[in-house]
Amino acid sequence: MRVLFVEGKDKEALLALARELPHPFWLLAGEGVWLLEVFGAGEEALGKAQALPGVKVWAFTLQDGVVYRGCGKKSATSP
């Protein structure tokens, strides 16, 4: 699975891109910059991201990870 990272200063442009794609995404806020993470992105998503003006784009292949491990305690956010 490919994970796409798109860094830019235009929040609305990053959200518009994310909403065009049929993949899960997260938008992270930094100091004057936004980072869009898109999971399961293919070549089309990569091309659309690279076409956005003023962004930096990275694509990685997921090698390992945990979606949810939990802490063993019931909480309002645990399944």
PDB file of N, CA and C in Angstrom:
ATOM      1  N   MET A   1       0.840  -1.174   0.000  1.00  0.00           N
ATOM      2  CA  MET A   1       0.000   0.000   0.000  1.00  0.00           C
ATOM      3  C   MET A   1       0.885   1.237   0.000  1.00  0.00           C
ATOM      4  N   ARG A   2       0.499   2.201  -0.798  1.00  0.00           N
ATOM      5  CA  ARG A   2       1.248   3.446  -0.884  1.00  0.00           C
ATOM      6  C   ARG A   2       0.608   4.506   0.017  1.00  0.00           C
ATOM      7  N   VAL A   3       1.459   5.270   0.684  1.00  0.00           N
ATOM      8  CA  VAL A   3       1.019   6.400   1.499  1.00  0.00           C
ATOM      9  C   VAL A   3       1.594   7.655   0.858  1.00  0.00           C
ATOM     10  N   LEU A   4       0.717   8.605   0.587  1.00  0.00           N
ATOM     11  CA  LEU A   4       1.094   9.843  -0.077  1.00  0.00           C
ATOM     12  C   LEU A   4       1.088  10.974   0.947  1.00  0.00           C
ATOM     13  N   PHE A   5       2.124  11.790   0.934  1.00  0.00           N
ATOM     14  CA  PHE A   5       2.221  12.960   1.800  1.00  0.00           C
ATOM     15  C   PHE A   5       2.317  14.187   0.901  1.00  0.00           C
ATOM     16  N   VAL A   6       1.454  15.169   1.164  1.00  0.00           N
ATOM     17  CA  VAL A   6       1.450  16.400   0.374  1.00  0.00           C
ATOM     18  C   VAL A   6       1.521  17.568   1.355  1.00  0.00           C
ATOM     19  N   GLU A   7       2.593  18.336   1.288  1.00  0.00           N
ATOM     20  CA  GLU A   7       2.797  19.478   2.182  1.00  0.00           C
ATOM     21  C   GLU A   7       2.553  20.771   1.419  1.00  0.00           C
ATOM     22  N   GLY A   8       1.766  21.654   2.022  1.00  0.00           N
ATOM     23  CA  GLY A   8       1.504  22.936   1.387  1.00  0.00           C
ATOM     24  C   GLY A   8       0.932  23.949   2.361  1.00  0.00           C
ATOM     25  N   LYS A   9       0.751  25.160   1.875  1.00  0.00           N
ATOM     26  CA  LYS A   9       0.227  26.241   2.725  1.00  0.00           C
ATOM     27  C   LYS A   9      -1.242  26.539   2.462  1.00  0.00           C
ATOM     28  N   ASP A  10      -1.812  25.936   1.413  1.00  0.00           N
ATOM     29  CA  ASP A  10      -3.202  26.192   1.040  1.00  0.00           C
ATOM     30  C   ASP A  10      -4.088  25.038   1.520  1.00  0.00           C
ATOM     31  N   LYS A  11      -4.682  25.215   2.693  1.00  0.00           N
ATOM     32  CA  LYS A  11      -5.525  24.175   3.301  1.00  0.00           C
ATOM     33  C   LYS A  11      -6.650  23.750   2.362  1.00  0.00           C
ATOM     34  N   GLU A  12      -7.334  24.706   1.762  1.00  0.00           N
ATOM     35  CA  GLU A  12      -8.488  24.392   0.912  1.00  0.00           C
ATOM     36  C   GLU A  12      -8.081  23.576  -0.314  1.00  0.00           C
ATOM     37  N   ALA A  13      -6.923  23.872  -0.895  1.00  0.00           N
ATOM     38  CA  ALA A  13      -6.459  23.104  -2.058  1.00  0.00           C
ATOM     39  C   ALA A  13      -6.155  21.662  -1.663  1.00  0.00           C
ATOM     40  N   LEU A  14      -5.564  21.473  -0.493  1.00  0.00           N
ATOM     41  CA  LEU A  14      -5.260  20.118  -0.028  1.00  0.00           C
ATOM     42  C   LEU A  14      -6.541  19.347   0.276  1.00  0.00           C
ATOM     43  N   LEU A  15      -7.515  20.010   0.900  1.00  0.00           N
ATOM     44  CA  LEU A  15      -8.793  19.352   1.176  1.00  0.00           C
ATOM     45  C   LEU A  15      -9.532  19.012  -0.111  1.00  0.00           C
ATOM     46  N   ALA A  16      -9.482  19.894  -1.090  1.00  0.00           N
ATOM     47  CA  ALA A  16     -10.128  19.622  -2.371  1.00  0.00           C
ATOM     48  C   ALA A  16      -9.512  18.385  -3.024  1.00  0.00           C
ATOM     49  N   LEU A  17      -8.203  18.284  -2.990  1.00  0.00           N
ATOM     50  CA  LEU A  17      -7.526  17.104  -3.522  1.00  0.00           C
ATOM     51  C   LEU A  17      -7.973  15.857  -2.779  1.00  0.00           C
ATOM     52  N   ALA A  18      -7.955  15.908  -1.465  1.00  0.00           N
ATOM     53  CA  ALA A  18      -8.321  14.743  -0.650  1.00  0.00           C
ATOM     54  C   ALA A  18      -9.744  14.288  -0.948  1.00  0.00           C
ATOM     55  N   ARG A  19     -10.648  15.210  -1.137  1.00  0.00           N
ATOM     56  CA  ARG A  19     -12.057  14.869  -1.376  1.00  0.00           C
ATOM     57  C   ARG A  19     -12.298  14.315  -2.775  1.00  0.00           C
ATOM     58  N   GLU A  20     -11.377  14.573  -3.699  1.00  0.00           N
ATOM     59  CA  GLU A  20     -11.462  14.002  -5.050  1.00  0.00           C
ATOM     60  C   GLU A  20     -11.078  12.524  -5.055  1.00  0.00           C
ATOM     61  N   LEU A  21     -10.286  12.124  -4.084  1.00  0.00           N
ATOM     62  CA  LEU A  21      -9.725  10.770  -4.071  1.00  0.00           C
ATOM     63  C   LEU A  21     -10.587   9.821  -3.237  1.00  0.00           C
ATOM     64  N   PRO A  22     -10.678   8.556  -3.651  1.00  0.00           N
ATOM     65  CA  PRO A  22     -11.482   7.590  -2.914  1.00  0.00           C
ATOM     66  C   PRO A  22     -10.695   6.874  -1.807  1.00  0.00           C
ATOM     67  N   HIS A  23      -9.808   7.603  -1.133  1.00  0.00           N
ATOM     68  CA  HIS A  23      -8.929   6.992  -0.144  1.00  0.00           C
ATOM     69  C   HIS A  23      -9.078   7.687   1.213  1.00  0.00           C
ATOM     70  N   PRO A  24      -8.803   6.961   2.294  1.00  0.00           N
ATOM     71  CA  PRO A  24      -8.785   7.614   3.612  1.00  0.00           C
ATOM     72  C   PRO A  24      -7.666   8.651   3.663  1.00  0.00           C
ATOM     73  N   PHE A  25      -7.923   9.746   4.389  1.00  0.00           N
ATOM     74  CA  PHE A  25      -6.900  10.779   4.503  1.00  0.00           C
ATOM     75  C   PHE A  25      -6.956  11.436   5.869  1.00  0.00           C
ATOM     76  N   TRP A  26      -5.855  12.093   6.210  1.00  0.00           N
ATOM     77  CA  TRP A  26      -5.741  12.924   7.406  1.00  0.00           C
ATOM     78  C   TRP A  26      -5.114  14.230   6.965  1.00  0.00           C
ATOM     79  N   LEU A  27      -5.593  15.332   7.543  1.00  0.00           N
ATOM     80  CA  LEU A  27      -4.979  16.629   7.279  1.00  0.00           C
ATOM     81  C   LEU A  27      -4.417  17.135   8.598  1.00  0.00           C
ATOM     82  N   LEU A  28      -3.108  17.340   8.635  1.00  0.00           N
ATOM     83  CA  LEU A  28      -2.422  17.763   9.847  1.00  0.00           C
ATOM     84  C   LEU A  28      -2.030  19.236   9.717  1.00  0.00           C
ATOM     85  N   ALA A  29      -2.194  19.987  10.811  1.00  0.00           N
ATOM     86  CA  ALA A  29      -1.846  21.407  10.830  1.00  0.00           C
ATOM     87  C   ALA A  29      -0.518  21.598  11.535  1.00  0.00           C
ATOM     88  N   GLY A  30       0.351  22.388  10.915  1.00  0.00           N
ATOM     89  CA  GLY A  30       1.627  22.743  11.526  1.00  0.00           C
ATOM     90  C   GLY A  30       1.695  24.252  11.676  1.00  0.00           C
ATOM     91  N   GLU A  31       2.870  24.759  11.847  1.00  0.00           N
ATOM     92  CA  GLU A  31       3.054  26.208  11.967  1.00  0.00           C
ATOM     93  C   GLU A  31       3.150  26.817  10.580  1.00  0.00           C
ATOM     94  N   GLY A  32       2.011  27.273  10.069  1.00  0.00           N
ATOM     95  CA  GLY A  32       1.962  27.896   8.751  1.00  0.00           C
ATOM     96  C   GLY A  32       1.993  26.923   7.596  1.00  0.00           C
ATOM     97  N   VAL A  33       1.853  25.641   7.875  1.00  0.00           N
ATOM     98  CA  VAL A  33       1.899  24.632   6.822  1.00  0.00           C
ATOM     99  C   VAL A  33       0.917  23.508   7.150  1.00  0.00           C
ATOM    100  N   TRP A  34       0.432  22.828   6.115  1.00  0.00           N
ATOM    101  CA  TRP A  34      -0.494  21.706   6.259  1.00  0.00           C
ATOM    102  C   TRP A  34       0.156  20.469   5.650  1.00  0.00           C
ATOM    103  N   LEU A  35      -0.150  19.313   6.217  1.00  0.00           N
ATOM    104  CA  LEU A  35       0.354  18.050   5.673  1.00  0.00           C
ATOM    105  C   LEU A  35      -0.820  17.118   5.472  1.00  0.00           C
ATOM    106  N   LEU A  36      -1.054  16.762   4.230  1.00  0.00           N
ATOM    107  CA  LEU A  36      -2.106  15.819   3.866  1.00  0.00           C
ATOM    108  C   LEU A  36      -1.493  14.435   3.745  1.00  0.00           C
ATOM    109  N   GLU A  37      -2.075  13.461   4.433  1.00  0.00           N
ATOM    110  CA  GLU A  37      -1.662  12.059   4.309  1.00  0.00           C
ATOM    111  C   GLU A  37      -2.801  11.299   3.654  1.00  0.00           C
ATOM    112  N   VAL A  38      -2.501  10.572   2.592  1.00  0.00           N
ATOM    113  CA  VAL A  38      -3.503   9.806   1.866  1.00  0.00           C
ATOM    114  C   VAL A  38      -3.054   8.348   1.834  1.00  0.00           C
ATOM    115  N   PHE A  39      -3.893   7.448   2.345  1.00  0.00           N
ATOM    116  CA  PHE A  39      -3.552   6.029   2.407  1.00  0.00           C
ATOM    117  C   PHE A  39      -4.165   5.275   1.238  1.00  0.00           C
ATOM    118  N   GLY A  40      -3.366   4.434   0.606  1.00  0.00           N
ATOM    119  CA  GLY A  40      -3.827   3.632  -0.517  1.00  0.00           C
ATOM    120  C   GLY A  40      -3.793   4.378  -1.843  1.00  0.00           C
ATOM    121  N   ALA A  41      -3.031   5.452  -1.918  1.00  0.00           N
ATOM    122  CA  ALA A  41      -2.984   6.287  -3.117  1.00  0.00           C
ATOM    123  C   ALA A  41      -2.246   5.595  -4.252  1.00  0.00           C
ATOM    124  N   GLY A  42      -2.793   5.714  -5.453  1.00  0.00           N
ATOM    125  CA  GLY A  42      -2.164   5.150  -6.641  1.00  0.00           C
ATOM    126  C   GLY A  42      -1.480   6.221  -7.472  1.00  0.00           C
ATOM    127  N   GLU A  43      -1.136   5.854  -8.698  1.00  0.00           N
ATOM    128  CA  GLU A  43      -0.436   6.770  -9.597  1.00  0.00           C
ATOM    129  C   GLU A  43      -1.278   8.000  -9.928  1.00  0.00           C
ATOM    130  N   GLU A  44      -2.604   7.821 -10.061  1.00  0.00           N
ATOM    131  CA  GLU A  44      -3.481   8.952 -10.380  1.00  0.00           C
ATOM    132  C   GLU A  44      -3.437   9.993  -9.261  1.00  0.00           C
ATOM    133  N   ALA A  45      -3.520   9.527  -8.008  1.00  0.00           N
ATOM    134  CA  ALA A  45      -3.467  10.439  -6.859  1.00  0.00           C
ATOM    135  C   ALA A  45      -2.119  11.148  -6.803  1.00  0.00           C
ATOM    136  N   LEU A  46      -1.060  10.423  -7.061  1.00  0.00           N
ATOM    137  CA  LEU A  46       0.278  11.008  -7.064  1.00  0.00           C
ATOM    138  C   LEU A  46       0.378  12.104  -8.128  1.00  0.00           C
ATOM    139  N   GLY A  47      -0.142  11.842  -9.313  1.00  0.00           N
ATOM    140  CA  GLY A  47      -0.113  12.816 -10.391  1.00  0.00           C
ATOM    141  C   GLY A  47      -0.908  14.068 -10.055  1.00  0.00           C
ATOM    142  N   LYS A  48      -2.094  13.891  -9.469  1.00  0.00           N
ATOM    143  CA  LYS A  48      -2.916  15.047  -9.074  1.00  0.00           C
ATOM    144  C   LYS A  48      -2.207  15.882  -8.016  1.00  0.00           C
ATOM    145  N   ALA A  49      -1.570  15.216  -7.073  1.00  0.00           N
ATOM    146  CA  ALA A  49      -0.849  15.937  -6.016  1.00  0.00           C
ATOM    147  C   ALA A  49       0.317  16.724  -6.601  1.00  0.00           C
ATOM    148  N   GLN A  50       1.063  16.102  -7.486  1.00  0.00           N
ATOM    149  CA  GLN A  50       2.219  16.770  -8.088  1.00  0.00           C
ATOM    150  C   GLN A  50       1.817  17.953  -8.967  1.00  0.00           C
ATOM    151  N   ALA A  51       0.571  17.969  -9.435  1.00  0.00           N
ATOM    152  CA  ALA A  51       0.090  19.062 -10.284  1.00  0.00           C
ATOM    153  C   ALA A  51      -0.319  20.297  -9.474  1.00  0.00           C
ATOM    154  N   LEU A  52      -0.464  20.159  -8.154  1.00  0.00           N
ATOM    155  CA  LEU A  52      -0.837  21.307  -7.327  1.00  0.00           C
ATOM    156  C   LEU A  52       0.341  22.275  -7.223  1.00  0.00           C
ATOM    157  N   PRO A  53       0.078  23.561  -7.376  1.00  0.00           N
ATOM    158  CA  PRO A  53       1.177  24.532  -7.259  1.00  0.00           C
ATOM    159  C   PRO A  53       1.603  24.739  -5.809  1.00  0.00           C
ATOM    160  N   GLY A  54       2.899  24.891  -5.601  1.00  0.00           N
ATOM    161  CA  GLY A  54       3.429  25.249  -4.292  1.00  0.00           C
ATOM    162  C   GLY A  54       3.405  24.160  -3.240  1.00  0.00           C
ATOM    163  N   VAL A  55       3.406  22.887  -3.661  1.00  0.00           N
ATOM    164  CA  VAL A  55       3.406  21.802  -2.682  1.00  0.00           C
ATOM    165  C   VAL A  55       4.663  20.951  -2.828  1.00  0.00           C
ATOM    166  N   LYS A  56       4.966  20.207  -1.775  1.00  0.00           N
ATOM    167  CA  LYS A  56       5.997  19.175  -1.810  1.00  0.00           C
ATOM    168  C   LYS A  56       5.266  17.842  -1.674  1.00  0.00           C
ATOM    169  N   VAL A  57       5.682  16.854  -2.443  1.00  0.00           N
ATOM    170  CA  VAL A  57       4.987  15.565  -2.476  1.00  0.00           C
ATOM    171  C   VAL A  57       5.977  14.442  -2.239  1.00  0.00           C
ATOM    172  N   TRP A  58       5.600  13.507  -1.360  1.00  0.00           N
ATOM    173  CA  TRP A  58       6.370  12.300  -1.121  1.00  0.00           C
ATOM    174  C   TRP A  58       5.427  11.108  -1.180  1.00  0.00           C
ATOM    175  N   ALA A  59       5.906  10.002  -1.694  1.00  0.00           N
ATOM    176  CA  ALA A  59       5.130   8.762  -1.713  1.00  0.00           C
ATOM    177  C   ALA A  59       5.989   7.655  -1.117  1.00  0.00           C
ATOM    178  N   PHE A  60       5.401   6.907  -0.198  1.00  0.00           N
ATOM    179  CA  PHE A  60       6.097   5.810   0.469  1.00  0.00           C
ATOM    180  C   PHE A  60       5.268   4.543   0.357  1.00  0.00           C
ATOM    181  N   THR A  61       5.928   3.404   0.380  1.00  0.00           N
ATOM    182  CA  THR A  61       5.236   2.129   0.434  1.00  0.00           C
ATOM    183  C   THR A  61       5.211   1.667   1.887  1.00  0.00           C
ATOM    184  N   LEU A  62       4.015   1.399   2.388  1.00  0.00           N
ATOM    185  CA  LEU A  62       3.853   0.967   3.773  1.00  0.00           C
ATOM    186  C   LEU A  62       4.483  -0.412   3.958  1.00  0.00           C
ATOM    187  N   GLN A  63       5.379  -0.528   4.908  1.00  0.00           N
ATOM    188  CA  GLN A  63       6.071  -1.777   5.187  1.00  0.00           C
ATOM    189  C   GLN A  63       5.551  -2.481   6.428  1.00  0.00           C
ATOM    190  N   ASP A  64       5.099  -1.717   7.418  1.00  0.00           N
ATOM    191  CA  ASP A  64       4.667  -2.311   8.684  1.00  0.00           C
ATOM    192  C   ASP A  64       3.860  -1.266   9.437  1.00  0.00           C
ATOM    193  N   GLY A  65       2.997  -1.693  10.330  1.00  0.00           N
ATOM    194  CA  GLY A  65       2.241  -0.736  11.127  1.00  0.00           C
ATOM    195  C   GLY A  65       1.124  -1.391  11.902  1.00  0.00           C
ATOM    196  N   VAL A  66       0.499  -0.603  12.748  1.00  0.00           N
ATOM    197  CA  VAL A  66      -0.619  -1.052  13.569  1.00  0.00           C
ATOM    198  C   VAL A  66      -1.747  -0.051  13.391  1.00  0.00           C
ATOM    199  N   VAL A  67      -2.935  -0.521  13.042  1.00  0.00           N
ATOM    200  CA  VAL A  67      -4.073   0.364  12.890  1.00  0.00           C
ATOM    201  C   VAL A  67      -4.639   0.727  14.253  1.00  0.00           C
ATOM    202  N   TYR A  68      -4.871  -0.274  15.098  1.00  0.00           N
ATOM    203  CA  TYR A  68      -5.377  -0.009  16.442  1.00  0.00           C
ATOM    204  C   TYR A  68      -4.950  -1.148  17.344  1.00  0.00           C
ATOM    205  N   ARG A  69      -4.251  -0.827  18.382  1.00  0.00           N
ATOM    206  CA  ARG A  69      -3.832  -1.849  19.320  1.00  0.00           C
ATOM    207  C   ARG A  69      -4.637  -1.742  20.609  1.00  0.00           C
ATOM    208  N   GLY A  70      -5.005  -0.532  20.995  1.00  0.00           N
ATOM    209  CA  GLY A  70      -5.774  -0.328  22.213  1.00  0.00           C
ATOM    210  C   GLY A  70      -4.886  -0.424  23.436  1.00  0.00           C
ATOM    211  N   CYS A  71      -5.416   0.039  24.545  1.00  0.00           N
ATOM    212  CA  CYS A  71      -4.643   0.037  25.772  1.00  0.00           C
ATOM    213  C   CYS A  71      -5.167  -1.002  26.765  1.00  0.00           C
ATOM    214  N   GLY A  72      -6.222  -1.727  26.360  1.00  0.00           N
ATOM    215  CA  GLY A  72      -6.788  -2.732  27.245  1.00  0.00           C
ATOM    216  C   GLY A  72      -7.849  -2.182  28.181  1.00  0.00           C
ATOM    217  N   LYS A  73      -8.055  -0.868  28.171  1.00  0.00           N
ATOM    218  CA  LYS A  73      -9.049  -0.237  29.025  1.00  0.00           C
ATOM    219  C   LYS A  73     -10.187   0.309  28.162  1.00  0.00           C
ATOM    220  N   LYS A  74     -11.404   0.197  28.636  1.00  0.00           N
ATOM    221  CA  LYS A  74     -12.552   0.720  27.911  1.00  0.00           C
ATOM    222  C   LYS A  74     -12.596   2.244  28.067  1.00  0.00           C
ATOM    223  N   SER A  75     -12.801   2.941  26.964  1.00  0.00           N
ATOM    224  CA  SER A  75     -12.907   4.405  27.021  1.00  0.00           C
ATOM    225  C   SER A  75     -13.957   4.852  26.005  1.00  0.00           C
ATOM    226  N   ALA A  76     -14.215   6.134  25.952  1.00  0.00           N
ATOM    227  CA  ALA A  76     -15.191   6.682  25.034  1.00  0.00           C
ATOM    228  C   ALA A  76     -14.754   6.522  23.574  1.00  0.00           C
ATOM    229  N   THR A  77     -13.458   6.369  23.337  1.00  0.00           N
ATOM    230  CA  THR A  77     -12.967   6.272  21.956  1.00  0.00           C
ATOM    231  C   THR A  77     -12.563   4.856  21.564  1.00  0.00           C
ATOM    232  N   SER A  78     -12.565   3.918  22.475  1.00  0.00           N
ATOM    233  CA  SER A  78     -12.168   2.555  22.117  1.00  0.00           C
ATOM    234  C   SER A  78     -13.376   1.774  21.623  1.00  0.00           C
ATOM    235  N   PRO A  79     -13.155   0.834  20.706  1.00  0.00           N
ATOM    236  CA  PRO A  79     -14.273   0.030  20.164  1.00  0.00           C
ATOM    237  C   PRO A  79     -14.788  -0.964  21.193  1.00  0.00           C
TER     238      PRO A  79
END
